[in-house]
């Protein structure tokens, strides 16, 4: 998940730490857009605009047909980023506001991430899906659903 090649490792860590800073902005958008009792237009617009800027950066990285952030290598950076992208549509119901469909490279990258068997298994943890694992204190519970 973390490349051993020094150049790829550095690039992976750059994307990982970029996500560490970006995730809270996406989360703040979701909070003000969906969950805040008082809808504050300035806050919604500010975090929506920042979320779109972050998606622009991500989409630019994925252009030229890269299946993952580091090209053909699926890394911890992809794993850290994709749940935030899913949250925009599936948790915050904000695809029309953020205009997720405008980011064609992100859409393909997300498909690639979600097609990975390891991602499919990981997405079962805490899933509300009927196959989901809500108590994963024991590896047996996770292994039984895979």
C-alpha atoms as a PDB file:
ATOM      1  CA  UNK A   1       0.000   0.000   0.000  1.00  0.00           C
ATOM      2  CA  UNK A   2       3.012   2.256   0.505  1.00  0.00           C
ATOM      3  CA  UNK A   3       5.521   1.904  -2.332  1.00  0.00           C
ATOM      4  CA  UNK A   4       9.112   0.974  -1.467  1.00  0.00           C
ATOM      5  CA  UNK A   5      10.606   2.960  -4.355  1.00  0.00           C
ATOM      6  CA  UNK A   6      11.707   6.298  -2.815  1.00  0.00           C
ATOM      7  CA  UNK A   7      10.227   8.482  -5.565  1.00  0.00           C
ATOM      8  CA  UNK A   8       6.878   6.661  -5.582  1.00  0.00           C
ATOM      9  CA  UNK A   9       6.833   6.563  -1.781  1.00  0.00           C
ATOM     10  CA  UNK A  10       7.323  10.344  -1.667  1.00  0.00           C
ATOM     11  CA  UNK A  11       4.567  10.928  -4.210  1.00  0.00           C
ATOM     12  CA  UNK A  12       2.253   8.593  -2.289  1.00  0.00           C
ATOM     13  CA  UNK A  13       2.929  10.409   0.969  1.00  0.00           C
ATOM     14  CA  UNK A  14       2.348  13.764  -0.755  1.00  0.00           C
ATOM     15  CA  UNK A  15      -1.114  12.618  -1.879  1.00  0.00           C
ATOM     16  CA  UNK A  16      -1.827  11.044   1.481  1.00  0.00           C
ATOM     17  CA  UNK A  17      -0.990  14.208   3.405  1.00  0.00           C
ATOM     18  CA  UNK A  18      -2.837  16.348   0.884  1.00  0.00           C
ATOM     19  CA  UNK A  19      -5.896  14.249   1.717  1.00  0.00           C
ATOM     20  CA  UNK A  20      -5.282  14.745   5.440  1.00  0.00           C
ATOM     21  CA  UNK A  21      -5.678  18.476   4.847  1.00  0.00           C
ATOM     22  CA  UNK A  22      -8.452  18.143   2.263  1.00  0.00           C
ATOM     23  CA  UNK A  23     -10.729  15.737   4.108  1.00  0.00           C
ATOM     24  CA  UNK A  24     -11.754  18.255   6.767  1.00  0.00           C
ATOM     25  CA  UNK A  25     -12.793  20.759   4.090  1.00  0.00           C
ATOM     26  CA  UNK A  26     -15.006  18.167   2.435  1.00  0.00           C
ATOM     27  CA  UNK A  27     -16.335  17.222   5.865  1.00  0.00           C
ATOM     28  CA  UNK A  28     -17.075  20.844   6.707  1.00  0.00           C
ATOM     29  CA  UNK A  29     -18.969  21.169   3.452  1.00  0.00           C
ATOM     30  CA  UNK A  30     -21.030  18.115   4.381  1.00  0.00           C
ATOM     31  CA  UNK A  31     -21.688  19.471   7.849  1.00  0.00           C
ATOM     32  CA  UNK A  32     -22.922  22.878   6.730  1.00  0.00           C
ATOM     33  CA  UNK A  33     -24.761  21.540   3.680  1.00  0.00           C
ATOM     34  CA  UNK A  34     -26.567  18.588   5.252  1.00  0.00           C
ATOM     35  CA  UNK A  35     -26.307  18.499   9.020  1.00  0.00           C
ATOM     36  CA  UNK A  36     -26.203  22.034  10.424  1.00  0.00           C
ATOM     37  CA  UNK A  37     -29.496  23.143  11.923  1.00  0.00           C
ATOM     38  CA  UNK A  38     -28.868  26.692  10.748  1.00  0.00           C
ATOM     39  CA  UNK A  39     -28.081  26.771   7.039  1.00  0.00           C
ATOM     40  CA  UNK A  40     -25.431  29.435   6.578  1.00  0.00           C
ATOM     41  CA  UNK A  41     -25.154  30.267   2.871  1.00  0.00           C
ATOM     42  CA  UNK A  42     -21.647  31.710   3.228  1.00  0.00           C
ATOM     43  CA  UNK A  43     -20.338  28.539   4.899  1.00  0.00           C
ATOM     44  CA  UNK A  44     -22.016  26.240   2.380  1.00  0.00           C
ATOM     45  CA  UNK A  45     -20.666  28.233  -0.558  1.00  0.00           C
ATOM     46  CA  UNK A  46     -17.191  28.576   0.929  1.00  0.00           C
ATOM     47  CA  UNK A  47     -16.759  24.848   1.606  1.00  0.00           C
ATOM     48  CA  UNK A  48     -18.481  23.837  -1.650  1.00  0.00           C
ATOM     49  CA  UNK A  49     -16.034  26.020  -3.575  1.00  0.00           C
ATOM     50  CA  UNK A  50     -13.066  24.578  -1.678  1.00  0.00           C
ATOM     51  CA  UNK A  51     -14.328  21.026  -2.249  1.00  0.00           C
ATOM     52  CA  UNK A  52     -14.573  21.749  -5.972  1.00  0.00           C
ATOM     53  CA  UNK A  53     -11.030  23.172  -5.963  1.00  0.00           C
ATOM     54  CA  UNK A  54      -9.745  20.015  -4.265  1.00  0.00           C
ATOM     55  CA  UNK A  55     -11.577  17.839  -6.792  1.00  0.00           C
ATOM     56  CA  UNK A  56     -10.034  19.899  -9.607  1.00  0.00           C
ATOM     57  CA  UNK A  57      -6.560  19.072  -8.262  1.00  0.00           C
ATOM     58  CA  UNK A  58      -7.433  15.391  -7.933  1.00  0.00           C
ATOM     59  CA  UNK A  59      -9.029  15.257 -11.387  1.00  0.00           C
ATOM     60  CA  UNK A  60      -5.970  16.920 -12.918  1.00  0.00           C
ATOM     61  CA  UNK A  61      -3.706  14.284 -11.348  1.00  0.00           C
ATOM     62  CA  UNK A  62      -5.845  11.496 -12.790  1.00  0.00           C
ATOM     63  CA  UNK A  63      -5.951  12.804 -16.358  1.00  0.00           C
ATOM     64  CA  UNK A  64      -4.042  10.934 -19.054  1.00  0.00           C
ATOM     65  CA  UNK A  65      -5.854   7.721 -18.151  1.00  0.00           C
ATOM     66  CA  UNK A  66      -4.153   7.022 -14.827  1.00  0.00           C
ATOM     67  CA  UNK A  67      -6.134   4.293 -13.069  1.00  0.00           C
ATOM     68  CA  UNK A  68      -4.850   5.406  -9.626  1.00  0.00           C
ATOM     69  CA  UNK A  69      -3.159   8.443  -8.122  1.00  0.00           C
ATOM     70  CA  UNK A  70       0.284   6.914  -8.685  1.00  0.00           C
ATOM     71  CA  UNK A  71      -0.499   5.543 -12.128  1.00  0.00           C
ATOM     72  CA  UNK A  72      -0.856   1.762 -12.101  1.00  0.00           C
ATOM     73  CA  UNK A  73      -0.185   1.392  -8.365  1.00  0.00           C
ATOM     74  CA  UNK A  74      -3.109   1.255  -5.918  1.00  0.00           C
ATOM     75  CA  UNK A  75      -1.853   2.806  -2.684  1.00  0.00           C
ATOM     76  CA  UNK A  76      -2.883   4.045   0.717  1.00  0.00           C
ATOM     77  CA  UNK A  77      -3.349   7.471  -0.894  1.00  0.00           C
ATOM     78  CA  UNK A  78      -6.195   6.117  -3.062  1.00  0.00           C
ATOM     79  CA  UNK A  79      -7.682   4.396  -0.014  1.00  0.00           C
ATOM     80  CA  UNK A  80      -7.559   7.609   2.005  1.00  0.00           C
ATOM     81  CA  UNK A  81      -9.164   9.709  -0.746  1.00  0.00           C
ATOM     82  CA  UNK A  82     -11.986   7.661  -2.217  1.00  0.00           C
ATOM     83  CA  UNK A  83     -14.299   7.506   0.842  1.00  0.00           C
ATOM     84  CA  UNK A  84     -14.447  11.309   0.863  1.00  0.00           C
ATOM     85  CA  UNK A  85     -15.490  11.320  -2.781  1.00  0.00           C
ATOM     86  CA  UNK A  86     -18.160   8.717  -2.071  1.00  0.00           C
ATOM     87  CA  UNK A  87     -19.394  10.794   0.879  1.00  0.00           C
ATOM     88  CA  UNK A  88     -20.137  13.771  -1.358  1.00  0.00           C
ATOM     89  CA  UNK A  89     -22.736  11.749  -3.257  1.00  0.00           C
ATOM     90  CA  UNK A  90     -23.880   9.034  -0.882  1.00  0.00           C
ATOM     91  CA  UNK A  91     -23.646  10.655   2.543  1.00  0.00           C
ATOM     92  CA  UNK A  92     -24.171  14.353   1.864  1.00  0.00           C
ATOM     93  CA  UNK A  93     -26.439  13.911  -1.193  1.00  0.00           C
ATOM     94  CA  UNK A  94     -24.537  16.795  -2.744  1.00  0.00           C
ATOM     95  CA  UNK A  95     -23.608  15.648  -6.251  1.00  0.00           C
ATOM     96  CA  UNK A  96     -25.647  18.411  -7.917  1.00  0.00           C
ATOM     97  CA  UNK A  97     -24.096  21.141  -5.751  1.00  0.00           C
ATOM     98  CA  UNK A  98     -20.511  19.924  -6.115  1.00  0.00           C
ATOM     99  CA  UNK A  99     -21.157  18.857  -9.720  1.00  0.00           C
ATOM    100  CA  UNK A 100     -19.332  15.545  -9.243  1.00  0.00           C
ATOM    101  CA  UNK A 101     -20.220  14.409 -12.764  1.00  0.00           C
ATOM    102  CA  UNK A 102     -17.962  17.176 -14.159  1.00  0.00           C
ATOM    103  CA  UNK A 103     -14.910  15.314 -12.868  1.00  0.00           C
ATOM    104  CA  UNK A 104     -14.638  12.567 -15.458  1.00  0.00           C
ATOM    105  CA  UNK A 105     -11.223  11.305 -14.360  1.00  0.00           C
ATOM    106  CA  UNK A 106     -12.343  11.061 -10.750  1.00  0.00           C
ATOM    107  CA  UNK A 107     -15.365   9.025 -11.842  1.00  0.00           C
ATOM    108  CA  UNK A 108     -13.181   6.461 -13.630  1.00  0.00           C
ATOM    109  CA  UNK A 109     -10.657   6.389 -10.761  1.00  0.00           C
ATOM    110  CA  UNK A 110     -13.474   5.773  -8.282  1.00  0.00           C
ATOM    111  CA  UNK A 111     -14.721   2.879 -10.425  1.00  0.00           C
ATOM    112  CA  UNK A 112     -11.199   1.434 -10.411  1.00  0.00           C
ATOM    113  CA  UNK A 113     -10.882   1.777  -6.639  1.00  0.00           C
ATOM    114  CA  UNK A 114     -14.285   0.228  -5.972  1.00  0.00           C
ATOM    115  CA  UNK A 115     -13.561  -2.686  -8.323  1.00  0.00           C
ATOM    116  CA  UNK A 116     -10.629  -3.868  -6.167  1.00  0.00           C
ATOM    117  CA  UNK A 117     -11.438  -6.971  -4.107  1.00  0.00           C
ATOM    118  CA  UNK A 118      -9.645  -5.489  -1.110  1.00  0.00           C
ATOM    119  CA  UNK A 119     -11.838  -2.378  -1.374  1.00  0.00           C
ATOM    120  CA  UNK A 120     -14.997  -4.472  -1.624  1.00  0.00           C
ATOM    121  CA  UNK A 121     -14.038  -6.322   1.564  1.00  0.00           C
ATOM    122  CA  UNK A 122     -13.060  -3.121   3.354  1.00  0.00           C
ATOM    123  CA  UNK A 123     -16.310  -1.418   2.421  1.00  0.00           C
ATOM    124  CA  UNK A 124     -18.219  -4.095   4.339  1.00  0.00           C
ATOM    125  CA  UNK A 125     -16.814  -2.833   7.648  1.00  0.00           C
ATOM    126  CA  UNK A 126     -19.476  -0.732   9.374  1.00  0.00           C
ATOM    127  CA  UNK A 127     -21.628  -0.968   6.258  1.00  0.00           C
ATOM    128  CA  UNK A 128     -25.377  -0.766   6.613  1.00  0.00           C
ATOM    129  CA  UNK A 129     -25.515  -3.243   3.724  1.00  0.00           C
ATOM    130  CA  UNK A 130     -27.031  -6.623   4.670  1.00  0.00           C
ATOM    131  CA  UNK A 131     -23.575  -8.191   4.235  1.00  0.00           C
ATOM    132  CA  UNK A 132     -21.952  -5.515   6.380  1.00  0.00           C
ATOM    133  CA  UNK A 133     -19.878  -6.220   9.460  1.00  0.00           C
ATOM    134  CA  UNK A 134     -20.854  -3.973  12.327  1.00  0.00           C
ATOM    135  CA  UNK A 135     -18.915  -5.782  15.081  1.00  0.00           C
ATOM    136  CA  UNK A 136     -15.414  -6.437  13.918  1.00  0.00           C
ATOM    137  CA  UNK A 137     -13.682  -7.032  17.237  1.00  0.00           C
ATOM    138  CA  UNK A 138     -12.928 -10.538  16.026  1.00  0.00           C
ATOM    139  CA  UNK A 139     -11.301 -11.404  12.731  1.00  0.00           C
ATOM    140  CA  UNK A 140     -13.700 -14.361  12.525  1.00  0.00           C
ATOM    141  CA  UNK A 141     -16.637 -12.021  12.010  1.00  0.00           C
ATOM    142  CA  UNK A 142     -14.893 -10.273   9.149  1.00  0.00           C
ATOM    143  CA  UNK A 143     -13.616 -13.497   7.566  1.00  0.00           C
ATOM    144  CA  UNK A 144     -17.136 -14.966   7.667  1.00  0.00           C
ATOM    145  CA  UNK A 145     -18.532 -12.257   5.416  1.00  0.00           C
ATOM    146  CA  UNK A 146     -15.750 -12.403   2.868  1.00  0.00           C
END
